[in-house]
Amino acid sequence: MSRNILLIGNSDGIGAAVTKALLDRGDRVVGVSKSPATPGNRAARHEVHDVAAPGFTELLERLWHQEQGFDACVYCAAIGSSLRLPDLSNEARVFDVNLTAMVRTMEVLVPHWIERRAGHFVGLSSLADSFYNSEAPSYSASKAGFSHYLLSMALRLRGSGISVTNIRFGFVDTKLAQASRKPLMITTEVAAGHVLRCLEKRPRQLSVPKLAAAFVQGVRWMQTLRVWAA
């Protein structure tokens, strides 16, 4: 059965691949992103709006009523920023896009879903949520908050009919993958396949690839020991 799905951050990268996969299987997609949708991958409706700009929650509320609600939302919006001291001017914006705008999205959708006793929020996080990143502290810290918030909300909303899924990706072939080495990198199409399976199975959390997830957990333990030793 066709569903009405809201995608935040769907003009490129994983969001664009998820949009195409959903459209190919007959779902209706309403997209919101800072950039226009690419030709050949247009959602049923696309709104150009920066998630960190004023009016974002008002736009979502308007879309809810105009589209008669959404069965699910996939939050894909994310930015990264390498820290080049002494300039910290972009650090707060990373948090605004990666974390605060996600919380504001839930702020609009969850009350409607509680009334309906049905809904599903899927957020795309990162395996970088597990370790300290001196090169891009705002990215890893915002993703840590992202993952913790979604897992906490998944527990809080138990029994309400609402599912919350946190997907932690390793390297995906997008503009965000800027490291010099990118082990176990997957394509956006493969990532989109994981998102669609999560929309069906509704797990609380999925970490992809599992080998990379185990590796970053080891890195985190090593960093914790170093901090303790210091």
N, C-alpha and C. Protein backbone atom coordinates (compact mmCIF):
# COMPACT_ATOMS: atom_id res chain seq x y z
N MET A 1 0.84 -1.19 0.00
CA MET A 1 0.00 0.00 0.00
C MET A 1 0.88 1.25 0.00
N SER A 2 0.54 2.20 -0.84
CA SER A 2 1.31 3.43 -0.96
C SER A 2 1.23 4.24 0.32
N ARG A 3 2.38 4.82 0.70
CA ARG A 3 2.43 5.63 1.90
C ARG A 3 2.85 7.06 1.57
N ASN A 4 2.53 7.98 2.45
CA ASN A 4 2.90 9.38 2.31
C ASN A 4 4.09 9.63 3.22
N ILE A 5 5.26 9.92 2.63
CA ILE A 5 6.49 10.00 3.41
C ILE A 5 7.16 11.36 3.23
N LEU A 6 7.54 11.95 4.35
CA LEU A 6 8.24 13.23 4.37
C LEU A 6 9.74 12.96 4.44
N LEU A 7 10.51 13.54 3.52
CA LEU A 7 11.96 13.40 3.51
C LEU A 7 12.59 14.77 3.73
N ILE A 8 13.40 14.86 4.76
CA ILE A 8 14.11 16.10 5.04
C ILE A 8 15.55 15.95 4.59
N GLY A 9 15.97 16.80 3.63
CA GLY A 9 17.31 16.71 3.09
C GLY A 9 17.41 15.68 1.99
N ASN A 10 16.63 15.86 0.92
CA ASN A 10 16.56 14.81 -0.11
C ASN A 10 17.01 15.25 -1.48
N SER A 11 17.73 16.36 -1.58
CA SER A 11 18.12 16.83 -2.91
C SER A 11 19.37 16.16 -3.44
N ASP A 12 20.17 15.54 -2.57
CA ASP A 12 21.36 14.82 -3.04
C ASP A 12 21.72 13.74 -2.03
N GLY A 13 22.79 13.02 -2.30
CA GLY A 13 23.29 12.01 -1.38
C GLY A 13 22.30 10.90 -1.07
N ILE A 14 22.31 10.46 0.18
CA ILE A 14 21.42 9.37 0.58
C ILE A 14 19.97 9.78 0.42
N GLY A 15 19.64 11.02 0.76
CA GLY A 15 18.26 11.48 0.65
C GLY A 15 17.71 11.35 -0.76
N ALA A 16 18.52 11.71 -1.77
CA ALA A 16 18.08 11.58 -3.15
C ALA A 16 17.89 10.12 -3.53
N ALA A 17 18.79 9.26 -3.07
CA ALA A 17 18.67 7.83 -3.37
C ALA A 17 17.44 7.22 -2.70
N VAL A 18 17.14 7.65 -1.48
CA VAL A 18 15.94 7.16 -0.79
C VAL A 18 14.69 7.65 -1.51
N THR A 19 14.69 8.91 -1.94
CA THR A 19 13.55 9.44 -2.68
C THR A 19 13.26 8.60 -3.91
N LYS A 20 14.31 8.31 -4.70
CA LYS A 20 14.12 7.52 -5.91
C LYS A 20 13.59 6.13 -5.59
N ALA A 21 14.15 5.49 -4.56
CA ALA A 21 13.72 4.13 -4.20
C ALA A 21 12.26 4.12 -3.76
N LEU A 22 11.85 5.13 -3.01
CA LEU A 22 10.46 5.19 -2.55
C LEU A 22 9.51 5.44 -3.71
N LEU A 23 9.89 6.36 -4.60
CA LEU A 23 9.05 6.64 -5.76
C LEU A 23 8.93 5.41 -6.66
N ASP A 24 10.03 4.68 -6.81
CA ASP A 24 10.02 3.49 -7.67
C ASP A 24 9.06 2.43 -7.17
N ARG A 25 8.84 2.39 -5.85
CA ARG A 25 7.92 1.38 -5.33
C ARG A 25 6.52 1.92 -5.07
N GLY A 26 6.28 3.16 -5.50
CA GLY A 26 4.91 3.67 -5.48
C GLY A 26 4.51 4.53 -4.31
N ASP A 27 5.46 4.87 -3.44
CA ASP A 27 5.13 5.75 -2.32
C ASP A 27 5.08 7.20 -2.79
N ARG A 28 4.35 8.02 -2.07
CA ARG A 28 4.32 9.45 -2.34
C ARG A 28 5.35 10.11 -1.43
N VAL A 29 6.20 10.96 -2.01
CA VAL A 29 7.27 11.59 -1.25
C VAL A 29 7.13 13.10 -1.31
N VAL A 30 7.18 13.73 -0.14
CA VAL A 30 7.24 15.18 -0.03
C VAL A 30 8.61 15.52 0.53
N GLY A 31 9.39 16.30 -0.21
CA GLY A 31 10.75 16.59 0.20
C GLY A 31 10.94 18.03 0.65
N VAL A 32 11.84 18.21 1.58
CA VAL A 32 12.25 19.54 2.03
C VAL A 32 13.77 19.56 2.08
N SER A 33 14.39 20.49 1.37
CA SER A 33 15.84 20.59 1.41
C SER A 33 16.26 22.01 1.03
N LYS A 34 17.53 22.31 1.27
CA LYS A 34 18.05 23.64 0.99
C LYS A 34 18.16 23.89 -0.51
N SER A 35 18.33 22.81 -1.28
CA SER A 35 18.52 22.92 -2.74
C SER A 35 17.35 22.31 -3.48
N PRO A 36 17.12 22.73 -4.73
CA PRO A 36 16.04 22.11 -5.53
C PRO A 36 16.33 20.65 -5.79
N ALA A 37 15.27 19.89 -6.04
CA ALA A 37 15.42 18.48 -6.39
C ALA A 37 16.08 18.35 -7.76
N THR A 38 16.86 17.30 -7.95
CA THR A 38 17.52 17.09 -9.23
C THR A 38 16.53 16.57 -10.26
N PRO A 39 16.70 16.90 -11.55
CA PRO A 39 15.81 16.39 -12.59
C PRO A 39 15.80 14.87 -12.61
N GLY A 40 14.65 14.29 -12.80
CA GLY A 40 14.52 12.85 -12.85
C GLY A 40 14.37 12.20 -11.49
N ASN A 41 14.45 13.01 -10.44
CA ASN A 41 14.31 12.45 -9.08
C ASN A 41 13.42 13.37 -8.25
N ARG A 42 12.37 13.84 -8.87
CA ARG A 42 11.50 14.80 -8.21
C ARG A 42 10.43 14.10 -7.39
N ALA A 43 10.32 14.55 -6.15
CA ALA A 43 9.27 14.03 -5.29
C ALA A 43 7.93 14.56 -5.77
N ALA A 44 6.86 14.00 -5.21
CA ALA A 44 5.53 14.49 -5.56
C ALA A 44 5.42 15.98 -5.26
N ARG A 45 6.15 16.40 -4.23
CA ARG A 45 6.20 17.81 -3.88
C ARG A 45 7.56 18.09 -3.25
N HIS A 46 8.15 19.23 -3.61
CA HIS A 46 9.46 19.57 -3.06
C HIS A 46 9.47 21.02 -2.63
N GLU A 47 9.85 21.26 -1.38
CA GLU A 47 9.94 22.60 -0.83
C GLU A 47 11.41 22.94 -0.59
N VAL A 48 11.84 24.08 -1.12
CA VAL A 48 13.21 24.53 -0.91
C VAL A 48 13.23 25.41 0.35
N HIS A 49 13.89 24.89 1.40
CA HIS A 49 13.96 25.63 2.66
C HIS A 49 15.13 25.08 3.47
N ASP A 50 15.93 25.97 4.02
CA ASP A 50 17.03 25.60 4.90
C ASP A 50 16.45 25.16 6.24
N VAL A 51 16.80 23.95 6.69
CA VAL A 51 16.21 23.43 7.92
C VAL A 51 16.61 24.26 9.14
N ALA A 52 17.70 25.01 9.02
CA ALA A 52 18.16 25.83 10.15
C ALA A 52 17.64 27.26 10.08
N ALA A 53 16.85 27.57 9.05
CA ALA A 53 16.35 28.94 8.88
C ALA A 53 15.02 29.14 9.59
N PRO A 54 14.68 30.37 9.92
CA PRO A 54 13.37 30.64 10.52
C PRO A 54 12.25 30.16 9.61
N GLY A 55 11.17 29.73 10.21
CA GLY A 55 10.01 29.29 9.45
C GLY A 55 9.98 27.81 9.14
N PHE A 56 11.00 27.05 9.60
CA PHE A 56 11.05 25.63 9.28
C PHE A 56 9.89 24.86 9.90
N THR A 57 9.64 25.06 11.19
CA THR A 57 8.56 24.32 11.83
C THR A 57 7.20 24.74 11.28
N GLU A 58 7.07 26.01 10.94
CA GLU A 58 5.81 26.48 10.35
C GLU A 58 5.57 25.82 9.00
N LEU A 59 6.65 25.64 8.22
CA LEU A 59 6.54 24.94 6.93
C LEU A 59 6.08 23.50 7.14
N LEU A 60 6.68 22.81 8.11
CA LEU A 60 6.30 21.42 8.36
C LEU A 60 4.84 21.31 8.80
N GLU A 61 4.41 22.22 9.64
CA GLU A 61 3.02 22.20 10.09
C GLU A 61 2.07 22.42 8.91
N ARG A 62 2.45 23.34 8.04
CA ARG A 62 1.62 23.61 6.86
C ARG A 62 1.58 22.38 5.94
N LEU A 63 2.73 21.74 5.74
CA LEU A 63 2.78 20.55 4.89
C LEU A 63 1.92 19.43 5.47
N TRP A 64 1.96 19.26 6.79
CA TRP A 64 1.15 18.22 7.42
C TRP A 64 -0.32 18.39 7.07
N HIS A 65 -0.82 19.60 7.20
CA HIS A 65 -2.24 19.83 6.97
C HIS A 65 -2.58 19.77 5.48
N GLN A 66 -1.70 20.29 4.63
CA GLN A 66 -1.98 20.27 3.19
C GLN A 66 -1.89 18.88 2.60
N GLU A 67 -1.05 18.03 3.17
CA GLU A 67 -0.86 16.67 2.65
C GLU A 67 -1.66 15.62 3.42
N GLN A 68 -2.52 16.07 4.33
CA GLN A 68 -3.31 15.15 5.17
C GLN A 68 -2.43 14.20 5.98
N GLY A 69 -1.30 14.73 6.43
CA GLY A 69 -0.42 13.98 7.31
C GLY A 69 0.59 13.12 6.59
N PHE A 70 1.51 12.55 7.37
CA PHE A 70 2.56 11.68 6.84
C PHE A 70 2.61 10.39 7.64
N ASP A 71 2.80 9.30 6.93
CA ASP A 71 2.93 8.00 7.59
C ASP A 71 4.31 7.84 8.23
N ALA A 72 5.30 8.47 7.63
CA ALA A 72 6.67 8.35 8.13
C ALA A 72 7.47 9.57 7.70
N CYS A 73 8.58 9.79 8.40
CA CYS A 73 9.52 10.85 8.05
C CYS A 73 10.92 10.28 8.10
N VAL A 74 11.72 10.61 7.09
CA VAL A 74 13.14 10.23 7.08
C VAL A 74 13.96 11.51 7.12
N TYR A 75 14.74 11.68 8.18
CA TYR A 75 15.55 12.89 8.33
C TYR A 75 16.96 12.59 7.84
N CYS A 76 17.32 13.18 6.68
CA CYS A 76 18.62 12.92 6.04
C CYS A 76 19.55 14.12 6.09
N ALA A 77 19.05 15.28 6.45
CA ALA A 77 19.86 16.50 6.39
C ALA A 77 21.07 16.40 7.31
N ALA A 78 22.23 16.76 6.78
CA ALA A 78 23.46 16.73 7.59
C ALA A 78 24.54 17.53 6.88
N ILE A 79 25.38 18.16 7.69
CA ILE A 79 26.57 18.84 7.16
C ILE A 79 27.74 18.48 8.05
N GLY A 80 28.94 18.65 7.51
CA GLY A 80 30.15 18.45 8.29
C GLY A 80 31.05 19.66 8.12
N SER A 81 31.93 19.87 9.07
CA SER A 81 32.83 21.02 8.99
C SER A 81 34.14 20.70 9.69
N SER A 82 35.22 20.72 8.93
CA SER A 82 36.53 20.54 9.55
C SER A 82 36.87 21.80 10.34
N LEU A 83 37.39 21.61 11.52
CA LEU A 83 37.70 22.74 12.39
C LEU A 83 39.10 23.27 12.08
N ARG A 84 39.16 24.54 11.70
CA ARG A 84 40.43 25.21 11.41
C ARG A 84 40.57 26.38 12.38
N LEU A 85 41.22 26.12 13.48
CA LEU A 85 41.38 27.15 14.51
C LEU A 85 42.16 28.35 13.98
N PRO A 86 41.81 29.55 14.43
CA PRO A 86 40.90 29.87 15.54
C PRO A 86 39.45 30.11 15.11
N ASP A 87 39.08 29.72 13.89
CA ASP A 87 37.73 30.00 13.38
C ASP A 87 36.74 28.91 13.80
N LEU A 88 35.82 29.28 14.70
CA LEU A 88 34.77 28.37 15.14
C LEU A 88 33.40 28.83 14.64
N SER A 89 33.39 29.66 13.62
CA SER A 89 32.15 30.32 13.22
C SER A 89 31.10 29.38 12.65
N ASN A 90 31.51 28.19 12.15
CA ASN A 90 30.53 27.28 11.56
C ASN A 90 30.12 26.15 12.50
N GLU A 91 30.70 26.10 13.69
CA GLU A 91 30.42 24.99 14.60
C GLU A 91 28.95 24.94 15.02
N ALA A 92 28.38 26.08 15.37
CA ALA A 92 26.99 26.10 15.83
C ALA A 92 26.04 25.70 14.71
N ARG A 93 26.35 26.08 13.47
CA ARG A 93 25.47 25.71 12.35
C ARG A 93 25.43 24.19 12.15
N VAL A 94 26.55 23.51 12.37
CA VAL A 94 26.56 22.05 12.25
C VAL A 94 25.55 21.45 13.24
N PHE A 95 25.53 21.95 14.46
CA PHE A 95 24.56 21.48 15.44
C PHE A 95 23.13 21.83 15.03
N ASP A 96 22.95 23.03 14.45
CA ASP A 96 21.61 23.45 14.03
C ASP A 96 21.03 22.51 12.99
N VAL A 97 21.85 22.14 11.99
CA VAL A 97 21.37 21.28 10.91
C VAL A 97 21.29 19.83 11.34
N ASN A 98 22.35 19.34 11.98
CA ASN A 98 22.45 17.91 12.29
C ASN A 98 21.60 17.47 13.47
N LEU A 99 21.34 18.36 14.41
CA LEU A 99 20.64 17.96 15.63
C LEU A 99 19.38 18.77 15.91
N THR A 100 19.53 20.08 16.03
CA THR A 100 18.39 20.90 16.45
C THR A 100 17.23 20.83 15.47
N ALA A 101 17.51 20.88 14.17
CA ALA A 101 16.43 20.82 13.18
C ALA A 101 15.74 19.47 13.20
N MET A 102 16.48 18.40 13.52
CA MET A 102 15.85 17.08 13.65
C MET A 102 14.86 17.08 14.82
N VAL A 103 15.28 17.67 15.96
CA VAL A 103 14.39 17.74 17.12
C VAL A 103 13.16 18.58 16.79
N ARG A 104 13.35 19.66 16.05
CA ARG A 104 12.21 20.51 15.67
C ARG A 104 11.26 19.77 14.72
N THR A 105 11.81 18.90 13.89
CA THR A 105 10.96 18.09 13.01
C THR A 105 10.08 17.17 13.84
N MET A 106 10.66 16.53 14.83
CA MET A 106 9.87 15.67 15.71
C MET A 106 8.86 16.49 16.52
N GLU A 107 9.24 17.70 16.88
CA GLU A 107 8.35 18.59 17.63
C GLU A 107 7.03 18.80 16.90
N VAL A 108 7.10 18.87 15.57
CA VAL A 108 5.89 19.06 14.77
C VAL A 108 5.15 17.74 14.58
N LEU A 109 5.89 16.67 14.23
CA LEU A 109 5.24 15.43 13.81
C LEU A 109 4.70 14.58 14.95
N VAL A 110 5.45 14.47 16.03
CA VAL A 110 5.08 13.52 17.09
C VAL A 110 3.70 13.79 17.69
N PRO A 111 3.33 15.05 18.00
CA PRO A 111 1.98 15.26 18.54
C PRO A 111 0.87 14.78 17.61
N HIS A 112 1.05 14.98 16.31
CA HIS A 112 0.05 14.49 15.34
C HIS A 112 0.02 12.96 15.34
N TRP A 113 1.18 12.33 15.40
CA TRP A 113 1.24 10.87 15.40
C TRP A 113 0.67 10.29 16.68
N ILE A 114 0.89 10.96 17.80
CA ILE A 114 0.30 10.48 19.06
C ILE A 114 -1.22 10.50 18.96
N GLU A 115 -1.76 11.54 18.33
CA GLU A 115 -3.21 11.62 18.15
C GLU A 115 -3.71 10.49 17.26
N ARG A 116 -2.94 10.17 16.23
CA ARG A 116 -3.30 9.08 15.32
C ARG A 116 -2.95 7.70 15.87
N ARG A 117 -2.03 7.66 16.84
CA ARG A 117 -1.46 6.42 17.36
C ARG A 117 -0.76 5.63 16.25
N ALA A 118 -0.09 6.35 15.38
CA ALA A 118 0.65 5.72 14.28
C ALA A 118 1.65 6.72 13.72
N GLY A 119 2.85 6.23 13.39
CA GLY A 119 3.87 7.07 12.79
C GLY A 119 5.23 6.42 12.92
N HIS A 120 6.17 6.88 12.11
CA HIS A 120 7.52 6.30 12.14
C HIS A 120 8.51 7.39 11.77
N PHE A 121 9.47 7.63 12.66
CA PHE A 121 10.53 8.61 12.41
C PHE A 121 11.84 7.86 12.23
N VAL A 122 12.50 8.10 11.10
CA VAL A 122 13.79 7.48 10.81
C VAL A 122 14.83 8.59 10.68
N GLY A 123 15.88 8.51 11.47
CA GLY A 123 16.95 9.51 11.40
C GLY A 123 18.26 8.88 10.97
N LEU A 124 18.98 9.57 10.08
CA LEU A 124 20.26 9.06 9.60
C LEU A 124 21.39 9.67 10.40
N SER A 125 21.99 8.86 11.26
CA SER A 125 23.11 9.31 12.08
C SER A 125 24.40 8.77 11.47
N SER A 126 25.41 8.63 12.30
CA SER A 126 26.73 8.23 11.81
C SER A 126 27.45 7.42 12.88
N LEU A 127 28.33 6.52 12.43
CA LEU A 127 29.17 5.79 13.36
C LEU A 127 30.14 6.73 14.07
N ALA A 128 30.27 7.95 13.56
CA ALA A 128 31.11 8.95 14.21
C ALA A 128 30.54 9.40 15.55
N ASP A 129 29.31 8.96 15.87
CA ASP A 129 28.73 9.32 17.16
C ASP A 129 29.43 8.63 18.33
N SER A 130 30.32 7.67 18.02
CA SER A 130 30.92 6.84 19.07
C SER A 130 32.29 7.31 19.54
N PHE A 131 32.92 8.25 18.82
CA PHE A 131 34.28 8.61 19.22
C PHE A 131 34.49 10.11 19.16
N TYR A 132 35.55 10.55 19.82
CA TYR A 132 35.93 11.96 19.83
C TYR A 132 36.68 12.27 18.54
N ASN A 133 36.34 13.38 17.90
CA ASN A 133 36.92 13.71 16.61
C ASN A 133 37.51 15.11 16.67
N SER A 134 38.80 15.19 16.86
CA SER A 134 39.43 16.50 16.99
C SER A 134 39.46 17.28 15.68
N GLU A 135 39.33 16.58 14.55
CA GLU A 135 39.33 17.25 13.25
C GLU A 135 37.98 17.89 12.95
N ALA A 136 36.90 17.27 13.42
CA ALA A 136 35.54 17.80 13.18
C ALA A 136 34.69 17.55 14.42
N PRO A 137 35.00 18.23 15.52
CA PRO A 137 34.28 17.95 16.77
C PRO A 137 32.79 18.22 16.71
N SER A 138 32.38 19.21 15.94
CA SER A 138 30.94 19.53 15.87
C SER A 138 30.17 18.41 15.18
N TYR A 139 30.78 17.75 14.19
CA TYR A 139 30.08 16.69 13.48
C TYR A 139 29.86 15.48 14.39
N SER A 140 30.93 14.99 15.00
CA SER A 140 30.79 13.79 15.83
C SER A 140 29.93 14.07 17.06
N ALA A 141 30.07 15.26 17.65
CA ALA A 141 29.28 15.59 18.84
C ALA A 141 27.80 15.75 18.49
N SER A 142 27.50 16.37 17.35
CA SER A 142 26.10 16.53 16.95
C SER A 142 25.47 15.19 16.64
N LYS A 143 26.24 14.27 16.06
CA LYS A 143 25.71 12.95 15.76
C LYS A 143 25.55 12.11 17.02
N ALA A 144 26.40 12.34 18.02
CA ALA A 144 26.22 11.66 19.30
C ALA A 144 24.91 12.09 19.93
N GLY A 145 24.64 13.41 19.92
CA GLY A 145 23.38 13.89 20.44
C GLY A 145 22.19 13.38 19.64
N PHE A 146 22.35 13.33 18.34
CA PHE A 146 21.32 12.83 17.44
C PHE A 146 20.93 11.40 17.80
N SER A 147 21.93 10.53 17.91
CA SER A 147 21.67 9.12 18.20
C SER A 147 21.07 8.93 19.59
N HIS A 148 21.61 9.62 20.57
CA HIS A 148 21.10 9.49 21.94
C HIS A 148 19.66 9.97 22.04
N TYR A 149 19.36 11.07 21.35
CA TYR A 149 18.00 11.60 21.41
C TYR A 149 17.01 10.63 20.78
N LEU A 150 17.35 10.09 19.62
CA LEU A 150 16.41 9.18 18.95
C LEU A 150 16.20 7.90 19.74
N LEU A 151 17.27 7.35 20.31
CA LEU A 151 17.10 6.14 21.12
C LEU A 151 16.27 6.42 22.37
N SER A 152 16.47 7.58 22.96
CA SER A 152 15.67 7.95 24.13
C SER A 152 14.21 8.14 23.75
N MET A 153 13.95 8.76 22.61
CA MET A 153 12.57 8.95 22.15
C MET A 153 11.93 7.62 21.79
N ALA A 154 12.71 6.69 21.24
CA ALA A 154 12.16 5.37 20.93
C ALA A 154 11.64 4.69 22.20
N LEU A 155 12.39 4.85 23.29
CA LEU A 155 11.96 4.27 24.57
C LEU A 155 10.76 5.03 25.13
N ARG A 156 10.80 6.35 25.01
CA ARG A 156 9.72 7.17 25.57
C ARG A 156 8.39 6.92 24.86
N LEU A 157 8.43 6.61 23.57
CA LEU A 157 7.21 6.47 22.77
C LEU A 157 6.71 5.03 22.68
N ARG A 158 7.32 4.13 23.45
CA ARG A 158 6.84 2.74 23.45
C ARG A 158 5.35 2.69 23.83
N GLY A 159 4.62 1.91 23.10
CA GLY A 159 3.20 1.75 23.39
C GLY A 159 2.31 2.82 22.82
N SER A 160 2.90 3.79 22.11
CA SER A 160 2.11 4.89 21.55
C SER A 160 1.69 4.63 20.11
N GLY A 161 2.22 3.57 19.51
CA GLY A 161 1.98 3.31 18.09
C GLY A 161 3.02 3.96 17.20
N ILE A 162 3.97 4.68 17.79
CA ILE A 162 4.99 5.41 17.03
C ILE A 162 6.32 4.69 17.16
N SER A 163 6.98 4.47 16.01
CA SER A 163 8.31 3.87 16.00
C SER A 163 9.37 4.93 15.71
N VAL A 164 10.53 4.77 16.32
CA VAL A 164 11.66 5.66 16.07
C VAL A 164 12.87 4.79 15.74
N THR A 165 13.53 5.09 14.62
CA THR A 165 14.68 4.30 14.18
C THR A 165 15.89 5.19 13.97
N ASN A 166 17.00 4.80 14.56
CA ASN A 166 18.26 5.51 14.39
C ASN A 166 19.19 4.65 13.52
N ILE A 167 19.58 5.17 12.35
CA ILE A 167 20.48 4.44 11.46
C ILE A 167 21.85 5.09 11.51
N ARG A 168 22.85 4.32 11.90
CA ARG A 168 24.23 4.80 12.01
C ARG A 168 25.04 4.27 10.83
N PHE A 169 25.34 5.15 9.89
CA PHE A 169 26.11 4.75 8.72
C PHE A 169 27.60 5.04 8.94
N GLY A 170 28.42 4.19 8.34
CA GLY A 170 29.84 4.48 8.22
C GLY A 170 30.05 5.37 7.00
N PHE A 171 31.10 5.10 6.25
CA PHE A 171 31.36 5.91 5.06
C PHE A 171 30.36 5.57 3.95
N VAL A 172 29.69 6.59 3.45
CA VAL A 172 28.80 6.46 2.30
C VAL A 172 29.33 7.41 1.22
N ASP A 173 29.24 7.01 -0.03
CA ASP A 173 29.83 7.78 -1.13
C ASP A 173 29.02 9.05 -1.40
N THR A 174 29.19 10.04 -0.53
CA THR A 174 28.53 11.34 -0.67
C THR A 174 29.57 12.44 -0.45
N LYS A 175 29.14 13.69 -0.58
CA LYS A 175 30.06 14.81 -0.39
C LYS A 175 30.53 14.94 1.06
N LEU A 176 29.84 14.28 2.01
CA LEU A 176 30.26 14.33 3.40
C LEU A 176 31.47 13.43 3.68
N ALA A 177 31.69 12.45 2.82
CA ALA A 177 32.80 11.49 3.03
C ALA A 177 34.10 12.12 2.53
N GLN A 178 34.75 12.89 3.40
CA GLN A 178 35.93 13.66 2.99
C GLN A 178 37.23 13.16 3.59
N ALA A 179 37.18 12.08 4.33
CA ALA A 179 38.41 11.55 4.94
C ALA A 179 39.36 11.05 3.85
N SER A 180 40.65 11.04 4.18
CA SER A 180 41.64 10.56 3.21
C SER A 180 41.50 9.07 2.96
N ARG A 181 41.09 8.33 3.99
CA ARG A 181 40.81 6.90 3.86
C ARG A 181 39.36 6.63 4.20
N LYS A 182 38.70 5.81 3.38
CA LYS A 182 37.28 5.55 3.55
C LYS A 182 37.01 4.05 3.53
N PRO A 183 37.40 3.34 4.57
CA PRO A 183 37.24 1.88 4.57
C PRO A 183 35.77 1.46 4.58
N LEU A 184 35.48 0.38 3.84
CA LEU A 184 34.14 -0.22 3.81
C LEU A 184 33.07 0.77 3.34
N MET A 185 33.43 1.70 2.48
CA MET A 185 32.46 2.68 2.00
C MET A 185 31.39 2.01 1.14
N ILE A 186 30.14 2.42 1.31
CA ILE A 186 29.03 1.87 0.54
C ILE A 186 28.45 2.96 -0.36
N THR A 187 27.69 2.55 -1.35
CA THR A 187 27.06 3.51 -2.26
C THR A 187 25.78 4.07 -1.63
N THR A 188 25.30 5.17 -2.19
CA THR A 188 24.04 5.74 -1.70
C THR A 188 22.87 4.80 -1.96
N GLU A 189 22.95 4.02 -3.04
CA GLU A 189 21.89 3.06 -3.34
C GLU A 189 21.82 1.96 -2.28
N VAL A 190 22.98 1.48 -1.85
CA VAL A 190 23.01 0.47 -0.79
C VAL A 190 22.47 1.07 0.51
N ALA A 191 22.87 2.30 0.81
CA ALA A 191 22.37 2.97 2.01
C ALA A 191 20.85 3.12 1.95
N ALA A 192 20.34 3.49 0.78
CA ALA A 192 18.89 3.66 0.62
C ALA A 192 18.17 2.34 0.85
N GLY A 193 18.77 1.24 0.42
CA GLY A 193 18.17 -0.06 0.66
C GLY A 193 18.01 -0.36 2.14
N HIS A 194 19.00 0.02 2.94
CA HIS A 194 18.91 -0.16 4.39
C HIS A 194 17.78 0.71 4.97
N VAL A 195 17.66 1.93 4.46
CA VAL A 195 16.60 2.82 4.95
C VAL A 195 15.23 2.22 4.66
N LEU A 196 15.03 1.70 3.46
CA LEU A 196 13.73 1.12 3.10
C LEU A 196 13.42 -0.11 3.95
N ARG A 197 14.42 -0.91 4.24
CA ARG A 197 14.19 -2.08 5.10
C ARG A 197 13.83 -1.65 6.51
N CYS A 198 14.44 -0.57 6.98
CA CYS A 198 14.09 -0.06 8.31
C CYS A 198 12.67 0.49 8.35
N LEU A 199 12.22 1.07 7.25
CA LEU A 199 10.84 1.55 7.18
C LEU A 199 9.85 0.39 7.29
N GLU A 200 10.28 -0.79 6.86
CA GLU A 200 9.43 -1.97 6.96
C GLU A 200 9.53 -2.64 8.32
N LYS A 201 10.76 -2.85 8.80
CA LYS A 201 10.97 -3.65 10.01
C LYS A 201 10.95 -2.82 11.30
N ARG A 202 11.19 -1.53 11.20
CA ARG A 202 11.11 -0.60 12.32
C ARG A 202 12.02 -0.95 13.51
N PRO A 203 13.28 -1.21 13.28
CA PRO A 203 14.18 -1.44 14.42
C PRO A 203 14.46 -0.12 15.13
N ARG A 204 14.90 -0.20 16.37
CA ARG A 204 15.26 1.03 17.07
C ARG A 204 16.59 1.57 16.57
N GLN A 205 17.49 0.68 16.21
CA GLN A 205 18.79 1.13 15.73
C GLN A 205 19.39 0.12 14.76
N LEU A 206 20.07 0.65 13.74
CA LEU A 206 20.82 -0.18 12.79
C LEU A 206 22.17 0.49 12.58
N SER A 207 23.25 -0.29 12.69
CA SER A 207 24.60 0.21 12.44
C SER A 207 25.16 -0.49 11.21
N VAL A 208 25.62 0.29 10.23
CA VAL A 208 26.08 -0.24 8.94
C VAL A 208 27.38 0.47 8.53
N PRO A 209 28.41 -0.31 8.14
CA PRO A 209 28.56 -1.76 8.20
C PRO A 209 28.87 -2.22 9.63
N LYS A 210 28.53 -3.44 9.97
CA LYS A 210 28.72 -3.93 11.32
C LYS A 210 30.20 -4.01 11.71
N LEU A 211 31.05 -4.36 10.74
CA LEU A 211 32.49 -4.43 11.03
C LEU A 211 33.03 -3.05 11.39
N ALA A 212 32.59 -2.03 10.65
CA ALA A 212 33.03 -0.67 10.96
C ALA A 212 32.50 -0.22 12.31
N ALA A 213 31.28 -0.63 12.66
CA ALA A 213 30.71 -0.27 13.95
C ALA A 213 31.54 -0.86 15.09
N ALA A 214 31.99 -2.10 14.92
CA ALA A 214 32.82 -2.73 15.94
C ALA A 214 34.17 -2.02 16.04
N PHE A 215 34.70 -1.60 14.91
CA PHE A 215 36.00 -0.92 14.91
C PHE A 215 35.92 0.42 15.64
N VAL A 216 34.89 1.23 15.34
CA VAL A 216 34.80 2.54 15.99
C VAL A 216 34.52 2.41 17.48
N GLN A 217 33.84 1.34 17.88
CA GLN A 217 33.64 1.11 19.31
C GLN A 217 34.98 0.85 20.00
N GLY A 218 35.86 0.12 19.29
CA GLY A 218 37.20 -0.10 19.82
C GLY A 218 37.99 1.19 19.93
N VAL A 219 37.84 2.06 18.91
CA VAL A 219 38.51 3.36 18.94
C VAL A 219 38.03 4.17 20.14
N ARG A 220 36.72 4.13 20.39
CA ARG A 220 36.17 4.88 21.52
C ARG A 220 36.75 4.38 22.86
N TRP A 221 36.89 3.08 23.01
CA TRP A 221 37.47 2.54 24.25
C TRP A 221 38.91 3.01 24.42
N MET A 222 39.67 3.02 23.33
CA MET A 222 41.05 3.48 23.39
C MET A 222 41.11 4.96 23.76
N GLN A 223 40.22 5.77 23.18
CA GLN A 223 40.20 7.19 23.50
C GLN A 223 39.81 7.42 24.96
N THR A 224 38.85 6.64 25.44
CA THR A 224 38.42 6.76 26.84
C THR A 224 39.56 6.45 27.79
N LEU A 225 40.33 5.42 27.46
CA LEU A 225 41.49 5.07 28.30
C LEU A 225 42.52 6.18 28.31
N ARG A 226 42.73 6.82 27.14
CA ARG A 226 43.70 7.90 27.07
C ARG A 226 43.25 9.10 27.91
N VAL A 227 41.96 9.41 27.83
CA VAL A 227 41.42 10.52 28.62
C VAL A 227 41.55 10.20 30.11
N TRP A 228 41.23 8.95 30.49
CA TRP A 228 41.34 8.55 31.89
C TRP A 228 42.78 8.62 32.38
N ALA A 229 43.71 8.16 31.52
CA ALA A 229 45.12 8.16 31.90
C ALA A 229 45.67 9.57 32.04
N ALA A 230 45.13 10.49 31.26
CA ALA A 230 45.61 11.88 31.31
C ALA A 230 45.14 12.58 32.58
